N, C-alpha and C. Protein backbone atom coordinates (compact mmCIF):
# COMPACT_ATOMS: atom_id res chain seq x y z
N MET A 1 0.85 -1.14 -0.02
CA MET A 1 -0.01 0.02 0.02
C MET A 1 0.94 1.25 -0.02
N GLN A 2 0.60 2.22 -0.92
CA GLN A 2 1.42 3.35 -0.92
C GLN A 2 0.99 4.30 0.16
N ASN A 3 1.91 5.34 0.43
CA ASN A 3 1.61 6.19 1.55
C ASN A 3 0.51 7.17 1.19
N LEU A 4 -0.08 7.77 2.18
CA LEU A 4 -1.30 8.58 1.94
C LEU A 4 -0.96 9.74 1.04
N LYS A 5 0.09 10.37 1.20
CA LYS A 5 0.40 11.59 0.40
C LYS A 5 0.52 11.22 -1.05
N SER A 6 1.27 10.17 -1.37
CA SER A 6 1.45 9.86 -2.77
C SER A 6 0.08 9.43 -3.38
N LEU A 7 -0.80 8.90 -2.71
CA LEU A 7 -2.07 8.35 -3.19
C LEU A 7 -2.96 9.53 -3.49
N SER A 8 -2.90 10.65 -2.75
CA SER A 8 -3.81 11.72 -2.81
C SER A 8 -4.00 12.33 -4.14
N ASN A 9 -2.86 12.25 -4.96
CA ASN A 9 -2.86 12.78 -6.34
C ASN A 9 -3.51 11.90 -7.31
N HIS A 10 -3.81 10.68 -6.90
CA HIS A 10 -4.30 9.64 -7.95
C HIS A 10 -5.80 9.29 -7.69
N THR A 11 -6.35 9.73 -6.62
CA THR A 11 -7.77 9.21 -6.28
C THR A 11 -8.71 9.47 -7.29
N THR A 12 -8.76 10.70 -7.85
CA THR A 12 -9.85 11.01 -8.82
C THR A 12 -9.67 10.18 -10.12
N HIS A 13 -8.41 10.03 -10.49
CA HIS A 13 -8.10 9.26 -11.70
C HIS A 13 -8.40 7.75 -11.54
N ASP A 14 -8.20 7.32 -10.38
CA ASP A 14 -8.40 5.88 -10.05
C ASP A 14 -9.92 5.63 -10.09
N LEU A 15 -10.79 6.47 -9.55
CA LEU A 15 -12.05 6.13 -9.40
C LEU A 15 -13.03 6.71 -10.56
N GLY A 16 -12.42 7.44 -11.52
CA GLY A 16 -13.18 7.88 -12.69
C GLY A 16 -13.69 9.28 -12.46
N ALA A 17 -14.65 9.77 -13.28
CA ALA A 17 -15.13 11.10 -13.29
C ALA A 17 -15.90 11.30 -11.92
N GLU A 18 -16.22 12.54 -11.62
CA GLU A 18 -16.83 12.96 -10.30
C GLU A 18 -18.12 12.38 -10.22
N ALA A 19 -18.92 12.38 -11.17
CA ALA A 19 -20.39 11.82 -11.04
C ALA A 19 -20.33 10.38 -10.82
N PRO A 20 -19.50 9.47 -11.45
CA PRO A 20 -19.46 8.09 -11.15
C PRO A 20 -18.99 7.85 -9.59
N VAL A 21 -18.09 8.72 -9.20
CA VAL A 21 -17.54 8.68 -7.84
C VAL A 21 -18.70 8.85 -6.89
N VAL A 22 -19.52 9.83 -7.22
CA VAL A 22 -20.62 10.12 -6.29
C VAL A 22 -21.57 9.03 -6.16
N TRP A 23 -22.06 8.53 -7.25
CA TRP A 23 -22.99 7.42 -7.20
C TRP A 23 -22.43 6.15 -6.60
N ARG A 24 -21.10 5.95 -6.87
CA ARG A 24 -20.49 4.76 -6.26
C ARG A 24 -20.40 4.79 -4.80
N GLN A 25 -20.05 6.03 -4.29
CA GLN A 25 -19.97 6.20 -2.90
C GLN A 25 -21.39 6.12 -2.33
N ALA A 26 -22.39 6.70 -2.88
CA ALA A 26 -23.74 6.55 -2.44
C ALA A 26 -24.18 5.18 -2.33
N LEU A 27 -23.80 4.32 -3.38
CA LEU A 27 -24.23 2.97 -3.37
C LEU A 27 -23.56 2.19 -2.29
N TRP A 28 -22.29 2.56 -2.06
CA TRP A 28 -21.47 1.88 -0.95
C TRP A 28 -22.12 2.28 0.35
N LEU A 29 -22.50 3.53 0.58
CA LEU A 29 -23.12 3.87 1.85
C LEU A 29 -24.39 3.15 2.02
N ALA A 30 -25.22 3.04 0.95
CA ALA A 30 -26.43 2.41 1.01
C ALA A 30 -26.37 0.86 1.41
N LEU A 31 -25.27 0.31 0.75
CA LEU A 31 -25.07 -1.18 1.05
C LEU A 31 -24.69 -1.36 2.53
N LEU A 32 -23.88 -0.50 3.05
CA LEU A 32 -23.47 -0.66 4.41
C LEU A 32 -24.67 -0.39 5.39
N VAL A 33 -25.54 0.59 5.09
CA VAL A 33 -26.58 0.84 5.98
C VAL A 33 -27.56 -0.39 5.85
N GLY A 34 -27.70 -0.91 4.66
CA GLY A 34 -28.60 -2.14 4.48
C GLY A 34 -28.01 -3.28 5.28
N ALA A 35 -26.68 -3.42 5.24
CA ALA A 35 -26.09 -4.48 6.01
C ALA A 35 -26.26 -4.29 7.46
N SER A 36 -26.23 -3.05 7.91
CA SER A 36 -26.36 -2.81 9.34
C SER A 36 -27.88 -3.18 9.81
N VAL A 37 -28.81 -3.05 8.93
CA VAL A 37 -30.15 -3.38 9.25
C VAL A 37 -30.25 -4.92 9.40
N ALA A 38 -29.54 -5.61 8.51
CA ALA A 38 -29.64 -7.05 8.54
C ALA A 38 -28.91 -7.61 9.85
N PHE A 39 -27.75 -7.03 10.18
CA PHE A 39 -27.02 -7.38 11.34
C PHE A 39 -27.82 -7.02 12.58
N SER A 40 -28.54 -5.86 12.65
CA SER A 40 -29.36 -5.51 13.73
C SER A 40 -30.51 -6.52 14.01
N LEU A 41 -31.14 -6.95 12.85
CA LEU A 41 -32.15 -7.99 13.02
C LEU A 41 -31.62 -9.26 13.45
N GLY A 42 -30.41 -9.61 13.16
CA GLY A 42 -29.87 -10.85 13.49
C GLY A 42 -29.21 -10.89 14.92
N PHE A 43 -28.62 -9.67 15.31
CA PHE A 43 -27.90 -9.73 16.62
C PHE A 43 -28.41 -8.69 17.61
N ALA A 44 -29.43 -7.89 17.19
CA ALA A 44 -30.04 -6.95 18.25
C ALA A 44 -28.98 -6.09 18.86
N CYS A 45 -28.88 -6.25 20.23
CA CYS A 45 -27.95 -5.36 20.99
C CYS A 45 -26.51 -5.68 20.64
N ALA A 46 -26.15 -6.81 20.05
CA ALA A 46 -24.86 -7.22 19.78
C ALA A 46 -24.45 -6.83 18.20
N ALA A 47 -25.22 -5.96 17.67
CA ALA A 47 -24.93 -5.56 16.33
C ALA A 47 -23.41 -5.06 16.28
N PRO A 48 -22.75 -5.42 15.16
CA PRO A 48 -21.29 -5.12 15.22
C PRO A 48 -20.96 -3.68 14.73
N LEU A 49 -21.25 -2.75 15.64
CA LEU A 49 -21.07 -1.34 15.29
C LEU A 49 -19.57 -0.93 15.29
N ALA A 50 -18.68 -1.66 15.98
CA ALA A 50 -17.32 -1.50 15.92
C ALA A 50 -16.75 -1.89 14.59
N ALA A 51 -17.27 -2.97 13.94
CA ALA A 51 -16.85 -3.39 12.69
C ALA A 51 -17.19 -2.35 11.64
N PHE A 52 -18.31 -1.77 11.71
CA PHE A 52 -18.85 -0.73 10.72
C PHE A 52 -17.87 0.50 10.87
N GLY A 53 -17.62 0.86 12.16
CA GLY A 53 -16.80 2.06 12.42
C GLY A 53 -15.42 1.84 11.83
N ALA A 54 -14.88 0.66 11.93
CA ALA A 54 -13.51 0.36 11.41
C ALA A 54 -13.57 0.40 9.81
N LEU A 55 -14.54 -0.20 9.23
CA LEU A 55 -14.63 -0.26 7.81
C LEU A 55 -14.86 1.17 7.28
N ALA A 56 -15.69 1.95 7.89
CA ALA A 56 -16.05 3.29 7.46
C ALA A 56 -14.78 4.15 7.54
N ALA A 57 -14.00 3.96 8.59
CA ALA A 57 -12.72 4.73 8.75
C ALA A 57 -11.70 4.40 7.63
N MET A 58 -11.80 3.23 7.14
CA MET A 58 -10.83 2.84 6.07
C MET A 58 -11.25 3.29 4.65
N THR A 59 -12.48 3.42 4.49
CA THR A 59 -12.98 3.58 3.10
C THR A 59 -13.51 4.97 2.80
N LEU A 60 -13.67 5.76 3.87
CA LEU A 60 -14.34 7.09 3.65
C LEU A 60 -13.50 8.17 4.39
N SER A 61 -13.87 9.41 4.00
CA SER A 61 -13.28 10.55 4.72
C SER A 61 -13.83 10.48 6.11
N GLN A 62 -13.18 11.20 7.08
CA GLN A 62 -13.55 11.19 8.48
C GLN A 62 -15.01 11.71 8.57
N ARG A 63 -15.30 12.77 7.88
CA ARG A 63 -16.69 13.32 7.94
C ARG A 63 -17.68 12.28 7.42
N ASP A 64 -17.40 11.61 6.27
CA ASP A 64 -18.31 10.67 5.78
C ASP A 64 -18.40 9.42 6.57
N ALA A 65 -17.28 9.01 7.23
CA ALA A 65 -17.23 7.90 8.04
C ALA A 65 -18.09 8.13 9.24
N LEU A 66 -18.04 9.29 9.84
CA LEU A 66 -18.89 9.61 11.03
C LEU A 66 -20.41 9.67 10.58
N LEU A 67 -20.68 10.19 9.38
CA LEU A 67 -22.02 10.22 8.86
C LEU A 67 -22.49 8.85 8.70
N LEU A 68 -21.75 7.96 8.19
CA LEU A 68 -22.14 6.61 7.93
C LEU A 68 -22.43 5.88 9.23
N THR A 69 -21.45 5.98 10.17
CA THR A 69 -21.68 5.25 11.43
C THR A 69 -22.88 5.85 12.13
N GLY A 70 -23.12 7.09 12.03
CA GLY A 70 -24.42 7.69 12.50
C GLY A 70 -25.63 7.03 11.91
N ALA A 71 -25.57 6.88 10.57
CA ALA A 71 -26.68 6.22 9.85
C ALA A 71 -26.91 4.72 10.31
N VAL A 72 -25.72 4.09 10.46
CA VAL A 72 -25.75 2.72 10.92
C VAL A 72 -26.36 2.65 12.27
N TRP A 73 -25.86 3.52 13.19
CA TRP A 73 -26.39 3.49 14.58
C TRP A 73 -27.90 3.77 14.58
N LEU A 74 -28.39 4.74 13.78
CA LEU A 74 -29.80 5.05 13.73
C LEU A 74 -30.59 3.87 13.17
N ALA A 75 -30.02 3.32 12.22
CA ALA A 75 -30.83 2.04 11.66
C ALA A 75 -30.85 0.99 12.69
N ASN A 76 -29.84 0.79 13.50
CA ASN A 76 -29.84 -0.16 14.55
C ASN A 76 -30.91 0.13 15.57
N GLN A 77 -30.97 1.42 15.97
CA GLN A 77 -32.02 1.89 16.86
C GLN A 77 -33.45 1.79 16.37
N LEU A 78 -33.62 2.09 15.11
CA LEU A 78 -35.03 2.06 14.59
C LEU A 78 -35.38 0.63 14.51
N VAL A 79 -34.48 -0.25 14.05
CA VAL A 79 -34.86 -1.67 14.02
C VAL A 79 -35.19 -2.18 15.41
N GLY A 80 -34.41 -1.76 16.29
CA GLY A 80 -34.67 -2.27 17.72
C GLY A 80 -35.96 -1.86 18.32
N PHE A 81 -36.33 -0.66 18.11
CA PHE A 81 -37.63 -0.08 18.65
C PHE A 81 -38.84 -0.53 17.77
N ALA A 82 -38.67 -0.63 16.54
CA ALA A 82 -39.74 -0.98 15.63
C ALA A 82 -40.03 -2.40 15.47
N SER A 83 -38.89 -3.26 15.48
CA SER A 83 -39.07 -4.76 15.26
C SER A 83 -38.71 -5.68 16.44
N LEU A 84 -37.84 -5.13 17.20
CA LEU A 84 -37.28 -6.02 18.22
C LEU A 84 -37.74 -5.76 19.64
N ASP A 85 -38.77 -4.81 19.77
CA ASP A 85 -39.45 -4.66 20.99
C ASP A 85 -38.49 -4.09 22.07
N TYR A 86 -37.61 -3.17 21.74
CA TYR A 86 -36.94 -2.48 22.78
C TYR A 86 -37.77 -1.82 23.65
N PRO A 87 -37.59 -1.79 25.05
CA PRO A 87 -38.43 -1.10 25.95
C PRO A 87 -38.41 0.45 25.77
N TRP A 88 -39.47 1.10 25.77
CA TRP A 88 -39.48 2.59 25.67
C TRP A 88 -39.18 3.16 27.10
N THR A 89 -38.02 3.06 27.53
CA THR A 89 -37.64 3.55 28.82
C THR A 89 -36.54 4.60 28.73
N GLY A 90 -36.37 5.36 29.82
CA GLY A 90 -35.20 6.28 29.80
C GLY A 90 -33.90 5.55 29.75
N SER A 91 -33.71 4.45 30.38
CA SER A 91 -32.46 3.75 30.41
C SER A 91 -32.13 3.18 28.97
N THR A 92 -33.17 2.73 28.21
CA THR A 92 -32.99 2.29 26.89
C THR A 92 -32.40 3.43 25.94
N PHE A 93 -33.22 4.57 26.09
CA PHE A 93 -32.78 5.72 25.28
C PHE A 93 -31.42 6.20 25.66
N ALA A 94 -31.12 6.18 26.89
CA ALA A 94 -29.81 6.59 27.41
C ALA A 94 -28.68 5.70 26.79
N TRP A 95 -28.93 4.38 26.83
CA TRP A 95 -27.93 3.47 26.21
C TRP A 95 -27.91 3.65 24.75
N GLY A 96 -28.96 3.90 24.05
CA GLY A 96 -28.91 4.13 22.67
C GLY A 96 -27.92 5.40 22.30
N ILE A 97 -28.17 6.44 23.04
CA ILE A 97 -27.26 7.62 22.86
C ILE A 97 -25.83 7.23 23.21
N ALA A 98 -25.67 6.59 24.26
CA ALA A 98 -24.23 6.18 24.56
C ALA A 98 -23.59 5.38 23.50
N LEU A 99 -24.34 4.40 22.94
CA LEU A 99 -23.76 3.53 21.80
C LEU A 99 -23.45 4.43 20.67
N GLY A 100 -24.25 5.46 20.26
CA GLY A 100 -23.96 6.32 19.13
C GLY A 100 -22.60 7.05 19.47
N ILE A 101 -22.47 7.58 20.66
CA ILE A 101 -21.27 8.39 20.87
C ILE A 101 -20.07 7.46 20.90
N VAL A 102 -20.21 6.23 21.52
CA VAL A 102 -18.99 5.26 21.51
C VAL A 102 -18.72 4.89 20.16
N THR A 103 -19.66 4.59 19.22
CA THR A 103 -19.46 4.20 17.86
C THR A 103 -18.69 5.32 17.09
N ALA A 104 -19.06 6.56 17.37
CA ALA A 104 -18.28 7.66 16.78
C ALA A 104 -16.83 7.75 17.12
N LEU A 105 -16.67 7.55 18.43
CA LEU A 105 -15.26 7.60 19.07
C LEU A 105 -14.46 6.33 18.45
N ALA A 106 -15.05 5.25 18.28
CA ALA A 106 -14.38 4.10 17.78
C ALA A 106 -14.02 4.28 16.31
N THR A 107 -14.92 5.00 15.64
CA THR A 107 -14.55 5.25 14.23
C THR A 107 -13.38 6.20 14.05
N VAL A 108 -13.34 7.23 14.91
CA VAL A 108 -12.21 8.22 14.90
C VAL A 108 -10.97 7.49 15.28
N ALA A 109 -11.04 6.63 16.30
CA ALA A 109 -9.73 5.86 16.72
C ALA A 109 -9.33 4.92 15.57
N ALA A 110 -10.26 4.31 14.89
CA ALA A 110 -9.86 3.42 13.80
C ALA A 110 -9.18 4.08 12.67
N ARG A 111 -9.73 5.31 12.33
CA ARG A 111 -9.07 6.08 11.35
C ARG A 111 -7.74 6.58 11.68
N ALA A 112 -7.61 6.97 12.85
CA ALA A 112 -6.28 7.48 13.35
C ALA A 112 -5.21 6.39 13.28
N MET A 113 -5.68 5.24 13.69
CA MET A 113 -4.65 4.11 13.69
C MET A 113 -4.40 3.64 12.17
N ALA A 114 -5.44 3.59 11.35
CA ALA A 114 -5.23 3.24 9.97
C ALA A 114 -4.28 4.12 9.31
N THR A 115 -4.43 5.46 9.55
CA THR A 115 -3.56 6.45 8.99
C THR A 115 -2.19 6.27 9.53
N ARG A 116 -2.06 5.94 10.78
CA ARG A 116 -0.72 5.82 11.41
C ARG A 116 0.10 4.64 10.82
N VAL A 117 -0.59 3.69 10.51
CA VAL A 117 0.18 2.44 10.05
C VAL A 117 0.11 2.22 8.41
N ASP A 118 -0.50 3.24 7.86
CA ASP A 118 -0.56 3.18 6.37
C ASP A 118 0.81 3.04 5.77
N GLY A 119 0.93 2.19 4.81
CA GLY A 119 2.17 1.85 4.19
C GLY A 119 2.80 0.51 4.56
N ARG A 120 2.15 -0.09 5.55
CA ARG A 120 2.62 -1.38 6.11
C ARG A 120 1.86 -2.55 5.59
N GLY A 121 1.04 -2.32 4.58
CA GLY A 121 0.27 -3.39 3.99
C GLY A 121 -1.19 -3.45 4.38
N ALA A 122 -2.01 -3.86 3.48
CA ALA A 122 -3.49 -3.73 3.61
C ALA A 122 -3.86 -4.56 4.88
N ALA A 123 -3.27 -5.73 5.15
CA ALA A 123 -3.72 -6.59 6.30
C ALA A 123 -3.32 -5.95 7.53
N VAL A 124 -2.19 -5.19 7.61
CA VAL A 124 -1.87 -4.58 8.88
C VAL A 124 -2.72 -3.36 9.13
N VAL A 125 -3.06 -2.65 8.10
CA VAL A 125 -3.95 -1.52 8.23
C VAL A 125 -5.40 -1.95 8.67
N SER A 126 -5.83 -3.01 8.04
CA SER A 126 -7.25 -3.59 8.43
C SER A 126 -7.26 -3.99 9.85
N LEU A 127 -6.25 -4.80 10.17
CA LEU A 127 -6.15 -5.27 11.58
C LEU A 127 -6.13 -4.32 12.60
N ALA A 128 -5.25 -3.21 12.32
CA ALA A 128 -4.96 -2.21 13.29
C ALA A 128 -6.29 -1.35 13.51
N ALA A 129 -6.94 -1.02 12.42
CA ALA A 129 -8.23 -0.24 12.42
C ALA A 129 -9.30 -1.05 13.15
N PHE A 130 -9.34 -2.28 12.92
CA PHE A 130 -10.35 -3.08 13.59
C PHE A 130 -10.10 -3.19 15.06
N ILE A 131 -8.95 -3.49 15.47
CA ILE A 131 -8.56 -3.69 16.87
C ILE A 131 -8.77 -2.35 17.60
N SER A 132 -8.31 -1.29 17.05
CA SER A 132 -8.47 0.04 17.73
C SER A 132 -10.03 0.40 17.83
N ALA A 133 -10.87 0.14 16.75
CA ALA A 133 -12.30 0.37 16.89
C ALA A 133 -12.96 -0.53 18.00
N PHE A 134 -12.50 -1.74 18.08
CA PHE A 134 -13.10 -2.63 19.03
C PHE A 134 -12.74 -2.21 20.44
N ILE A 135 -11.46 -2.00 20.70
CA ILE A 135 -11.08 -1.66 22.05
C ILE A 135 -11.77 -0.38 22.50
N VAL A 136 -11.79 0.71 21.66
CA VAL A 136 -12.47 1.83 22.06
C VAL A 136 -13.93 1.65 22.22
N TYR A 137 -14.59 0.97 21.40
CA TYR A 137 -16.04 0.54 21.44
C TYR A 137 -16.36 -0.08 22.85
N GLU A 138 -15.68 -1.27 23.03
CA GLU A 138 -15.98 -1.99 24.24
C GLU A 138 -15.40 -1.23 25.48
N GLY A 139 -14.42 -0.58 25.40
CA GLY A 139 -13.96 0.23 26.56
C GLY A 139 -14.88 1.38 26.91
N GLY A 140 -15.38 2.03 25.89
CA GLY A 140 -16.35 3.14 26.10
C GLY A 140 -17.65 2.59 26.72
N ILE A 141 -18.15 1.52 26.25
CA ILE A 141 -19.35 0.93 26.81
C ILE A 141 -19.10 0.55 28.32
N PHE A 142 -17.97 -0.08 28.55
CA PHE A 142 -17.72 -0.44 29.88
C PHE A 142 -17.64 0.80 30.85
N VAL A 143 -17.05 1.85 30.38
CA VAL A 143 -17.01 3.02 31.19
C VAL A 143 -18.41 3.57 31.45
N VAL A 144 -19.26 3.58 30.42
CA VAL A 144 -20.67 4.04 30.62
C VAL A 144 -21.38 3.11 31.64
N ALA A 145 -21.19 1.88 31.46
CA ALA A 145 -21.80 0.84 32.36
C ALA A 145 -21.35 1.07 33.81
N ALA A 146 -20.04 1.27 33.95
CA ALA A 146 -19.44 1.28 35.30
C ALA A 146 -19.79 2.60 36.04
N THR A 147 -20.04 3.64 35.28
CA THR A 147 -20.17 4.95 35.91
C THR A 147 -21.64 5.55 35.85
N LEU A 148 -22.36 5.07 34.90
CA LEU A 148 -23.64 5.78 34.72
C LEU A 148 -24.88 4.82 34.60
N LEU A 149 -24.84 3.82 33.82
CA LEU A 149 -26.04 3.04 33.52
C LEU A 149 -26.09 1.69 34.06
N GLY A 150 -24.98 1.17 34.52
CA GLY A 150 -24.90 -0.19 35.03
C GLY A 150 -24.87 -1.25 34.04
N GLY A 151 -24.66 -2.51 34.32
CA GLY A 151 -24.67 -3.56 33.37
C GLY A 151 -23.15 -4.14 33.21
N THR A 152 -22.31 -3.93 34.20
CA THR A 152 -20.92 -4.39 33.99
C THR A 152 -20.86 -6.01 33.97
N GLU A 153 -21.97 -6.58 34.53
CA GLU A 153 -21.96 -8.10 34.46
C GLU A 153 -22.00 -8.53 32.96
N ASP A 154 -22.34 -7.66 32.09
CA ASP A 154 -22.34 -8.11 30.61
C ASP A 154 -20.97 -8.13 30.01
N PHE A 155 -19.94 -7.89 30.88
CA PHE A 155 -18.67 -7.85 30.34
C PHE A 155 -17.80 -9.15 30.86
N ALA A 156 -18.49 -10.21 31.12
CA ALA A 156 -17.80 -11.45 31.38
C ALA A 156 -17.08 -11.84 30.29
N PRO A 157 -15.93 -12.51 30.42
CA PRO A 157 -15.08 -12.88 29.28
C PRO A 157 -15.78 -13.60 28.13
N ALA A 158 -16.65 -14.51 28.49
CA ALA A 158 -17.39 -15.33 27.44
C ALA A 158 -18.22 -14.35 26.56
N ILE A 159 -18.85 -13.31 27.18
CA ILE A 159 -19.70 -12.41 26.50
C ILE A 159 -18.89 -11.50 25.58
N VAL A 160 -17.79 -10.98 26.10
CA VAL A 160 -16.87 -10.13 25.34
C VAL A 160 -16.33 -10.85 24.16
N ALA A 161 -15.91 -12.25 24.38
CA ALA A 161 -15.41 -13.06 23.27
C ALA A 161 -16.45 -13.24 22.19
N ARG A 162 -17.67 -13.36 22.62
CA ARG A 162 -18.70 -13.60 21.65
C ARG A 162 -18.89 -12.20 20.78
N ILE A 163 -18.83 -11.05 21.45
CA ILE A 163 -19.08 -9.80 20.78
C ILE A 163 -17.88 -9.66 19.84
N LEU A 164 -16.71 -10.02 20.32
CA LEU A 164 -15.51 -9.92 19.37
C LEU A 164 -15.60 -10.81 18.18
N GLU A 165 -16.12 -12.00 18.37
CA GLU A 165 -16.35 -12.95 17.19
C GLU A 165 -17.33 -12.29 16.21
N ILE A 166 -18.44 -11.77 16.72
CA ILE A 166 -19.35 -11.20 15.84
C ILE A 166 -18.81 -10.06 14.99
N ASN A 167 -18.16 -9.23 15.76
CA ASN A 167 -17.47 -7.98 15.06
C ASN A 167 -16.46 -8.36 14.11
N ALA A 168 -15.60 -9.33 14.47
CA ALA A 168 -14.62 -9.82 13.54
C ALA A 168 -15.16 -10.49 12.27
N ALA A 169 -16.17 -11.32 12.44
CA ALA A 169 -16.80 -11.92 11.32
C ALA A 169 -17.41 -10.94 10.35
N ALA A 170 -18.13 -10.00 10.99
CA ALA A 170 -18.79 -8.85 10.29
C ALA A 170 -17.70 -8.03 9.50
N PHE A 171 -16.69 -7.71 10.21
CA PHE A 171 -15.60 -6.89 9.57
C PHE A 171 -15.08 -7.65 8.35
N ALA A 172 -14.77 -8.95 8.49
CA ALA A 172 -14.24 -9.70 7.37
C ALA A 172 -15.26 -9.76 6.24
N GLY A 173 -16.50 -9.88 6.63
CA GLY A 173 -17.52 -9.92 5.49
C GLY A 173 -17.67 -8.55 4.81
N LEU A 174 -17.51 -7.46 5.56
CA LEU A 174 -17.58 -6.15 5.00
C LEU A 174 -16.44 -5.83 4.17
N LEU A 175 -15.22 -6.38 4.48
CA LEU A 175 -14.07 -6.29 3.69
C LEU A 175 -14.19 -7.01 2.37
N VAL A 176 -14.76 -8.19 2.37
CA VAL A 176 -15.03 -8.90 1.19
C VAL A 176 -15.96 -8.14 0.34
N LEU A 177 -17.06 -7.56 0.90
CA LEU A 177 -18.00 -6.79 0.13
C LEU A 177 -17.39 -5.63 -0.49
N ASN A 178 -16.46 -4.88 0.20
CA ASN A 178 -15.80 -3.79 -0.37
C ASN A 178 -14.92 -4.26 -1.50
N ARG A 179 -14.22 -5.39 -1.38
CA ARG A 179 -13.33 -5.89 -2.40
C ARG A 179 -14.14 -6.21 -3.61
N LEU A 180 -15.36 -6.82 -3.41
CA LEU A 180 -16.15 -7.16 -4.56
C LEU A 180 -16.64 -5.93 -5.23
N GLY A 181 -16.89 -4.92 -4.48
CA GLY A 181 -17.29 -3.56 -5.00
C GLY A 181 -16.27 -2.96 -5.87
N MET A 182 -15.03 -3.09 -5.37
CA MET A 182 -13.87 -2.58 -6.15
C MET A 182 -13.74 -3.19 -7.44
N THR A 183 -13.96 -4.60 -7.39
CA THR A 183 -13.82 -5.32 -8.70
C THR A 183 -14.73 -4.89 -9.72
N VAL A 184 -16.05 -4.54 -9.32
CA VAL A 184 -16.93 -4.06 -10.31
C VAL A 184 -17.10 -2.63 -10.38
N GLY A 185 -16.23 -1.90 -9.69
CA GLY A 185 -16.19 -0.49 -9.80
C GLY A 185 -17.24 0.26 -9.00
N ARG A 186 -17.76 -0.41 -7.91
CA ARG A 186 -18.84 0.22 -7.11
C ARG A 186 -18.43 0.67 -5.79
N ALA A 187 -17.21 0.52 -5.42
CA ALA A 187 -16.79 1.10 -4.16
C ALA A 187 -15.32 1.63 -4.23
N ALA A 188 -15.10 2.50 -3.34
CA ALA A 188 -13.68 3.15 -3.38
C ALA A 188 -12.68 2.25 -2.89
N ARG A 189 -11.46 2.40 -3.36
CA ARG A 189 -10.38 1.59 -2.82
C ARG A 189 -10.05 2.10 -1.44
N PRO A 190 -9.91 1.11 -0.50
CA PRO A 190 -9.50 1.70 0.82
C PRO A 190 -8.30 2.59 0.96
N ALA A 191 -7.26 2.16 0.32
CA ALA A 191 -6.00 3.05 0.38
C ALA A 191 -6.25 4.42 -0.26
N ALA A 192 -6.97 4.50 -1.37
CA ALA A 192 -7.17 5.71 -2.06
C ALA A 192 -8.08 6.54 -1.22
N ARG A 193 -9.08 5.94 -0.62
CA ARG A 193 -10.03 6.71 0.26
C ARG A 193 -9.25 7.23 1.54
N LEU A 194 -8.38 6.41 2.05
CA LEU A 194 -7.58 6.89 3.08
C LEU A 194 -6.85 8.23 2.80
N SER A 195 -6.37 8.24 1.55
CA SER A 195 -5.63 9.42 1.10
C SER A 195 -6.38 10.61 1.04
N THR A 196 -7.58 10.51 0.62
CA THR A 196 -8.48 11.73 0.56
C THR A 196 -8.88 12.24 1.84
N MET A 197 -8.86 11.43 3.00
CA MET A 197 -9.23 11.81 4.23
C MET A 197 -8.41 12.79 4.88
N GLU A 198 -7.13 13.05 4.35
CA GLU A 198 -6.31 13.98 4.92
C GLU A 198 -6.86 15.39 4.86
N GLY A 199 -7.60 15.70 3.78
CA GLY A 199 -8.20 17.02 3.62
C GLY A 199 -9.31 17.30 4.49
N HIS A 200 -9.81 16.33 5.27
CA HIS A 200 -10.95 16.56 6.14
C HIS A 200 -10.63 16.53 7.59
N THR A 201 -9.37 16.45 7.88
CA THR A 201 -9.03 16.50 9.34
C THR A 201 -8.27 17.76 9.75
């Protein structure tokens, strides 16, 4: 993987004209939000928000990554209240807000780490982004549970391991989806997209 600065001059040429780039990015965003709905229906409270944050950080500008993770979080909440019978209580709404904030922080952390290790290979960048996102996400939730909303019993090793498995599997699947998108010209290249993010920070 080339460094971010050298890639920044090639992004537009790699992805084609501006209009195709716009619709490709819009399609990529729509696919990710759609995937988040499917994950929310399948895993409810264990939806892999850290995985989405890591992938967004690798494939979009920081602004767009945060917008995407916000849309993913909102989709998760809407599915929860509309289809999964989330209780309409103050605690549930508070947890929802906390999850949104923690997901945003995980996305920022993933992008920072991906940028830091850029140039060391796609596998290293992907792994570093994912690990950073997961640590910040789980750590943030634990802090909220321990200081404000309770629920630290949900951080038993077996439960955390299960959450890690779900997020890792989701992240791997989303990477494959992105790779397939690149093959047919429907998604941005992670390295190239990382290069364009420099202008947004």
